[in-house]
Amino acid sequence: METPPPQQQQQQQQQQLLEQQQEAAADFEDEVVASFDSLPLNEKLLRGIYSYGFEKPSAIQMRGIKPIIDGHDTIGQAQSGTGKTATFVIAALQKIDYDKPACQVLILAPTRELAQQIQK
């Protein structure tokens, strides 16, 4: 049996990767949660969310928090002031194991201004 040329092998690998990505995307449900209470959040984090004045999740939070908690790579795009920062911070705080004294989350920001906003 002959080995296909390298270019054909590469095309086959790319096709397989594309099919795997499409299968993974089909398995992923675009679940929308109506409240913070319906998210799998620990009680202390939930109390903190409400104490900061959040009453119900914004549109991006309704769709973005749970997939991050579930371990999916997530890209969220929304206008300024819609709660993107809170979306990934809430998910990151939920994923932290507070019994492990090690760095578990690294948040990068493209500007100092945004880094300061995230820190607050």
N, C-alpha and C. Protein backbone atom coordinates (compact mmCIF):
# COMPACT_ATOMS: atom_id res chain seq x y z
N MET A 1 0.84 -1.18 0.00
CA MET A 1 0.00 0.00 0.00
C MET A 1 0.89 1.24 0.00
N GLU A 2 0.61 2.16 -0.91
CA GLU A 2 1.43 3.36 -1.03
C GLU A 2 1.02 4.41 -0.01
N THR A 3 2.01 5.13 0.45
CA THR A 3 1.76 6.26 1.35
C THR A 3 1.39 7.47 0.51
N PRO A 4 0.29 8.17 0.88
CA PRO A 4 -0.08 9.36 0.11
C PRO A 4 0.98 10.44 0.24
N PRO A 5 1.07 11.32 -0.76
CA PRO A 5 2.05 12.41 -0.70
C PRO A 5 1.79 13.29 0.53
N PRO A 6 2.84 13.98 1.02
CA PRO A 6 2.70 14.81 2.23
C PRO A 6 1.56 15.83 2.15
N GLN A 7 1.38 16.43 0.99
CA GLN A 7 0.32 17.44 0.86
C GLN A 7 -1.05 16.79 1.05
N GLN A 8 -1.23 15.62 0.51
CA GLN A 8 -2.50 14.91 0.65
C GLN A 8 -2.70 14.48 2.10
N GLN A 9 -1.63 14.05 2.77
CA GLN A 9 -1.72 13.68 4.18
C GLN A 9 -2.16 14.88 5.02
N GLN A 10 -1.57 16.02 4.72
CA GLN A 10 -1.90 17.24 5.46
C GLN A 10 -3.37 17.61 5.25
N GLN A 11 -3.86 17.48 4.02
CA GLN A 11 -5.25 17.79 3.74
C GLN A 11 -6.18 16.83 4.48
N GLN A 12 -5.81 15.56 4.54
CA GLN A 12 -6.61 14.58 5.25
C GLN A 12 -6.65 14.89 6.75
N GLN A 13 -5.50 15.27 7.31
CA GLN A 13 -5.44 15.62 8.72
C GLN A 13 -6.30 16.85 9.01
N GLN A 14 -6.23 17.84 8.13
CA GLN A 14 -7.03 19.05 8.31
C GLN A 14 -8.52 18.72 8.23
N GLN A 15 -8.89 17.85 7.32
CA GLN A 15 -10.29 17.45 7.19
C GLN A 15 -10.76 16.71 8.44
N GLN A 16 -9.92 15.82 8.98
CA GLN A 16 -10.28 15.11 10.20
C GLN A 16 -10.44 16.08 11.37
N LEU A 17 -9.54 17.04 11.47
CA LEU A 17 -9.62 18.03 12.54
C LEU A 17 -10.90 18.85 12.41
N LEU A 18 -11.24 19.26 11.20
CA LEU A 18 -12.45 20.02 10.96
C LEU A 18 -13.68 19.22 11.36
N GLU A 19 -13.71 17.95 11.02
CA GLU A 19 -14.84 17.08 11.38
C GLU A 19 -14.95 16.93 12.90
N GLN A 20 -13.82 16.79 13.58
CA GLN A 20 -13.83 16.69 15.04
C GLN A 20 -14.36 17.98 15.67
N GLN A 21 -13.94 19.12 15.14
CA GLN A 21 -14.41 20.40 15.67
C GLN A 21 -15.91 20.56 15.45
N GLN A 22 -16.39 20.15 14.29
CA GLN A 22 -17.82 20.25 14.00
C GLN A 22 -18.63 19.34 14.92
N GLU A 23 -18.11 18.15 15.20
CA GLU A 23 -18.79 17.24 16.13
C GLU A 23 -18.83 17.84 17.53
N ALA A 24 -17.73 18.42 17.96
CA ALA A 24 -17.67 19.04 19.29
C ALA A 24 -18.64 20.21 19.37
N ALA A 25 -18.72 21.00 18.32
CA ALA A 25 -19.63 22.15 18.30
C ALA A 25 -21.08 21.68 18.33
N ALA A 26 -21.37 20.58 17.65
CA ALA A 26 -22.74 20.06 17.64
C ALA A 26 -23.13 19.53 19.01
N ASP A 27 -22.16 18.99 19.75
CA ASP A 27 -22.43 18.48 21.10
C ASP A 27 -22.68 19.61 22.10
N PHE A 28 -22.13 20.78 21.81
CA PHE A 28 -22.23 21.90 22.73
C PHE A 28 -23.58 22.58 22.59
N GLU A 29 -24.30 22.69 23.68
CA GLU A 29 -25.59 23.36 23.67
C GLU A 29 -25.40 24.81 24.06
N ASP A 30 -26.11 25.68 23.39
CA ASP A 30 -26.09 27.10 23.74
C ASP A 30 -27.11 27.30 24.85
N GLU A 31 -26.72 26.91 26.05
CA GLU A 31 -27.62 26.97 27.19
C GLU A 31 -27.68 28.39 27.73
N VAL A 32 -28.88 28.87 27.96
CA VAL A 32 -29.08 30.20 28.51
C VAL A 32 -29.66 30.04 29.91
N VAL A 33 -29.01 30.65 30.89
CA VAL A 33 -29.51 30.58 32.26
C VAL A 33 -30.21 31.89 32.60
N ALA A 34 -31.30 31.80 33.32
CA ALA A 34 -32.11 32.99 33.61
C ALA A 34 -31.68 33.71 34.88
N SER A 35 -30.98 33.01 35.77
CA SER A 35 -30.59 33.64 37.03
C SER A 35 -29.25 33.09 37.49
N PHE A 36 -28.61 33.82 38.39
CA PHE A 36 -27.35 33.33 38.96
C PHE A 36 -27.61 32.08 39.79
N ASP A 37 -28.81 31.98 40.38
CA ASP A 37 -29.15 30.81 41.20
C ASP A 37 -29.17 29.52 40.39
N SER A 38 -29.44 29.62 39.09
CA SER A 38 -29.50 28.41 38.27
C SER A 38 -28.13 27.97 37.74
N LEU A 39 -27.09 28.73 38.08
CA LEU A 39 -25.73 28.35 37.71
C LEU A 39 -25.12 27.46 38.79
N PRO A 40 -24.20 26.59 38.43
CA PRO A 40 -23.56 25.74 39.44
C PRO A 40 -22.48 26.50 40.21
N LEU A 41 -22.91 27.45 41.05
CA LEU A 41 -21.98 28.30 41.81
C LEU A 41 -22.04 27.94 43.28
N ASN A 42 -20.87 28.02 43.95
CA ASN A 42 -20.88 27.75 45.39
C ASN A 42 -21.58 28.90 46.11
N GLU A 43 -22.09 28.58 47.28
CA GLU A 43 -22.94 29.51 48.03
C GLU A 43 -22.23 30.83 48.36
N LYS A 44 -20.96 30.76 48.76
CA LYS A 44 -20.23 31.99 49.10
C LYS A 44 -20.08 32.89 47.88
N LEU A 45 -19.77 32.32 46.74
CA LEU A 45 -19.64 33.10 45.52
C LEU A 45 -20.98 33.72 45.14
N LEU A 46 -22.04 32.97 45.26
CA LEU A 46 -23.37 33.48 44.94
C LEU A 46 -23.74 34.65 45.85
N ARG A 47 -23.44 34.52 47.14
CA ARG A 47 -23.71 35.64 48.07
C ARG A 47 -22.89 36.86 47.68
N GLY A 48 -21.63 36.64 47.29
CA GLY A 48 -20.78 37.75 46.86
C GLY A 48 -21.32 38.45 45.63
N ILE A 49 -21.82 37.69 44.69
CA ILE A 49 -22.40 38.27 43.47
C ILE A 49 -23.56 39.19 43.83
N TYR A 50 -24.45 38.70 44.68
CA TYR A 50 -25.60 39.52 45.07
C TYR A 50 -25.19 40.71 45.92
N SER A 51 -24.16 40.55 46.75
CA SER A 51 -23.72 41.68 47.59
C SER A 51 -23.07 42.78 46.77
N TYR A 52 -22.56 42.45 45.58
CA TYR A 52 -22.01 43.47 44.69
C TYR A 52 -23.10 44.17 43.89
N GLY A 53 -24.34 43.80 44.10
CA GLY A 53 -25.44 44.48 43.44
C GLY A 53 -25.94 43.83 42.17
N PHE A 54 -25.37 42.68 41.81
CA PHE A 54 -25.88 41.97 40.63
C PHE A 54 -27.22 41.34 41.00
N GLU A 55 -28.22 41.55 40.19
CA GLU A 55 -29.53 40.96 40.45
C GLU A 55 -29.83 39.80 39.51
N LYS A 56 -29.54 40.01 38.23
CA LYS A 56 -29.72 38.93 37.25
C LYS A 56 -28.60 39.03 36.22
N PRO A 57 -28.25 37.92 35.60
CA PRO A 57 -27.15 37.94 34.64
C PRO A 57 -27.50 38.73 33.38
N SER A 58 -26.48 39.39 32.83
CA SER A 58 -26.65 40.08 31.55
C SER A 58 -26.68 39.02 30.44
N ALA A 59 -26.93 39.45 29.22
CA ALA A 59 -27.03 38.51 28.10
C ALA A 59 -25.75 37.68 27.95
N ILE A 60 -24.60 38.32 28.04
CA ILE A 60 -23.34 37.57 27.87
C ILE A 60 -23.10 36.65 29.07
N GLN A 61 -23.52 37.06 30.25
CA GLN A 61 -23.37 36.22 31.43
C GLN A 61 -24.31 35.02 31.37
N MET A 62 -25.51 35.22 30.81
CA MET A 62 -26.46 34.11 30.68
C MET A 62 -25.90 32.98 29.83
N ARG A 63 -25.07 33.34 28.85
CA ARG A 63 -24.54 32.34 27.93
C ARG A 63 -23.08 31.96 28.21
N GLY A 64 -22.34 32.82 28.89
CA GLY A 64 -20.90 32.62 28.99
C GLY A 64 -20.37 31.94 30.23
N ILE A 65 -21.02 32.12 31.36
CA ILE A 65 -20.46 31.60 32.61
C ILE A 65 -20.45 30.07 32.64
N LYS A 66 -21.57 29.43 32.35
CA LYS A 66 -21.66 27.97 32.46
C LYS A 66 -20.68 27.23 31.54
N PRO A 67 -20.54 27.61 30.27
CA PRO A 67 -19.56 26.89 29.43
C PRO A 67 -18.14 26.98 29.97
N ILE A 68 -17.78 28.13 30.55
CA ILE A 68 -16.44 28.27 31.12
C ILE A 68 -16.30 27.33 32.32
N ILE A 69 -17.30 27.34 33.19
CA ILE A 69 -17.27 26.45 34.36
C ILE A 69 -17.19 24.99 33.91
N ASP A 70 -17.87 24.66 32.82
CA ASP A 70 -17.87 23.28 32.30
C ASP A 70 -16.56 22.92 31.61
N GLY A 71 -15.64 23.89 31.50
CA GLY A 71 -14.33 23.60 30.94
C GLY A 71 -14.19 23.84 29.45
N HIS A 72 -15.16 24.49 28.84
CA HIS A 72 -15.08 24.78 27.41
C HIS A 72 -14.25 26.04 27.16
N ASP A 73 -13.49 26.04 26.08
CA ASP A 73 -12.85 27.26 25.62
C ASP A 73 -13.97 28.15 25.10
N THR A 74 -13.95 29.40 25.51
CA THR A 74 -15.07 30.28 25.20
C THR A 74 -14.59 31.62 24.69
N ILE A 75 -15.24 32.12 23.68
CA ILE A 75 -14.99 33.47 23.18
C ILE A 75 -16.30 34.23 23.33
N GLY A 76 -16.24 35.37 24.01
CA GLY A 76 -17.43 36.19 24.18
C GLY A 76 -17.19 37.57 23.63
N GLN A 77 -18.14 38.06 22.89
CA GLN A 77 -18.02 39.40 22.31
C GLN A 77 -19.29 40.17 22.62
N ALA A 78 -19.12 41.33 23.24
CA ALA A 78 -20.27 42.18 23.57
C ALA A 78 -19.77 43.61 23.74
N GLN A 79 -20.72 44.52 23.74
CA GLN A 79 -20.37 45.93 23.87
C GLN A 79 -19.80 46.22 25.26
N SER A 80 -19.16 47.35 25.36
CA SER A 80 -18.58 47.80 26.63
C SER A 80 -19.69 47.95 27.68
N GLY A 81 -19.38 47.51 28.89
CA GLY A 81 -20.32 47.68 29.99
C GLY A 81 -21.40 46.62 30.09
N THR A 82 -21.24 45.51 29.38
CA THR A 82 -22.28 44.47 29.39
C THR A 82 -21.99 43.32 30.35
N GLY A 83 -20.82 43.34 31.00
CA GLY A 83 -20.53 42.31 31.99
C GLY A 83 -19.58 41.22 31.54
N LYS A 84 -18.76 41.51 30.54
CA LYS A 84 -17.80 40.50 30.06
C LYS A 84 -16.79 40.14 31.15
N THR A 85 -16.27 41.16 31.83
CA THR A 85 -15.27 40.91 32.87
C THR A 85 -15.87 40.05 33.98
N ALA A 86 -17.06 40.40 34.43
CA ALA A 86 -17.71 39.61 35.48
C ALA A 86 -17.96 38.18 35.01
N THR A 87 -18.23 38.01 33.74
CA THR A 87 -18.48 36.67 33.19
C THR A 87 -17.30 35.75 33.43
N PHE A 88 -16.10 36.18 33.02
CA PHE A 88 -14.97 35.26 33.19
C PHE A 88 -14.46 35.24 34.62
N VAL A 89 -14.62 36.33 35.37
CA VAL A 89 -14.17 36.34 36.76
C VAL A 89 -15.04 35.41 37.61
N ILE A 90 -16.35 35.47 37.43
CA ILE A 90 -17.25 34.58 38.17
C ILE A 90 -16.91 33.12 37.87
N ALA A 91 -16.73 32.81 36.60
CA ALA A 91 -16.39 31.43 36.23
C ALA A 91 -15.04 31.01 36.81
N ALA A 92 -14.06 31.91 36.76
CA ALA A 92 -12.73 31.60 37.31
C ALA A 92 -12.80 31.37 38.81
N LEU A 93 -13.53 32.22 39.51
CA LEU A 93 -13.66 32.06 40.97
C LEU A 93 -14.34 30.75 41.33
N GLN A 94 -15.29 30.33 40.51
CA GLN A 94 -15.97 29.06 40.76
C GLN A 94 -15.02 27.88 40.58
N LYS A 95 -14.10 27.98 39.65
CA LYS A 95 -13.19 26.87 39.35
C LYS A 95 -12.04 26.73 40.35
N ILE A 96 -11.77 27.77 41.13
CA ILE A 96 -10.64 27.74 42.05
C ILE A 96 -10.90 26.75 43.19
N ASP A 97 -9.89 25.94 43.48
CA ASP A 97 -9.93 25.05 44.64
C ASP A 97 -9.20 25.79 45.76
N TYR A 98 -9.96 26.31 46.71
CA TYR A 98 -9.39 27.14 47.76
C TYR A 98 -8.53 26.37 48.74
N ASP A 99 -8.52 25.05 48.66
CA ASP A 99 -7.66 24.23 49.51
C ASP A 99 -6.27 24.05 48.91
N LYS A 100 -6.08 24.45 47.66
CA LYS A 100 -4.77 24.34 47.01
C LYS A 100 -4.05 25.69 47.07
N PRO A 101 -2.94 25.75 47.79
CA PRO A 101 -2.20 27.01 47.89
C PRO A 101 -1.26 27.23 46.69
N ALA A 102 -1.83 27.26 45.51
CA ALA A 102 -1.03 27.43 44.29
C ALA A 102 -1.79 28.32 43.32
N CYS A 103 -1.07 28.89 42.39
CA CYS A 103 -1.69 29.71 41.36
C CYS A 103 -2.58 28.81 40.49
N GLN A 104 -3.83 29.18 40.37
CA GLN A 104 -4.77 28.38 39.58
C GLN A 104 -5.39 29.17 38.43
N VAL A 105 -5.28 30.48 38.48
CA VAL A 105 -5.86 31.32 37.44
C VAL A 105 -4.86 32.40 37.07
N LEU A 106 -4.70 32.62 35.79
CA LEU A 106 -3.87 33.71 35.29
C LEU A 106 -4.73 34.51 34.32
N ILE A 107 -4.91 35.78 34.63
CA ILE A 107 -5.72 36.65 33.79
C ILE A 107 -4.80 37.67 33.13
N LEU A 108 -4.81 37.69 31.81
CA LEU A 108 -4.00 38.63 31.05
C LEU A 108 -4.90 39.72 30.49
N ALA A 109 -4.39 40.93 30.46
CA ALA A 109 -5.14 42.05 29.92
C ALA A 109 -4.25 42.83 28.96
N PRO A 110 -4.82 43.33 27.86
CA PRO A 110 -4.00 44.02 26.86
C PRO A 110 -3.56 45.43 27.26
N THR A 111 -4.22 46.01 28.27
CA THR A 111 -3.83 47.36 28.69
C THR A 111 -3.80 47.43 30.21
N ARG A 112 -3.03 48.37 30.71
CA ARG A 112 -2.96 48.59 32.16
C ARG A 112 -4.33 49.01 32.70
N GLU A 113 -5.01 49.85 31.95
CA GLU A 113 -6.33 50.33 32.37
C GLU A 113 -7.31 49.17 32.57
N LEU A 114 -7.32 48.25 31.63
CA LEU A 114 -8.20 47.09 31.76
C LEU A 114 -7.76 46.19 32.91
N ALA A 115 -6.46 46.02 33.09
CA ALA A 115 -5.95 45.21 34.20
C ALA A 115 -6.40 45.80 35.54
N GLN A 116 -6.36 47.12 35.66
CA GLN A 116 -6.81 47.77 36.90
C GLN A 116 -8.31 47.59 37.10
N GLN A 117 -9.06 47.66 36.02
CA GLN A 117 -10.51 47.46 36.10
C GLN A 117 -10.82 46.04 36.57
N ILE A 118 -10.12 45.07 36.01
CA ILE A 118 -10.33 43.67 36.39
C ILE A 118 -9.97 43.45 37.86
N GLN A 119 -8.89 44.09 38.31
CA GLN A 119 -8.45 43.93 39.69
C GLN A 119 -9.51 44.41 40.68
N LYS A 120 -10.21 45.47 40.32
CA LYS A 120 -11.26 46.00 41.20
C LYS A 120 -12.42 45.05 41.25
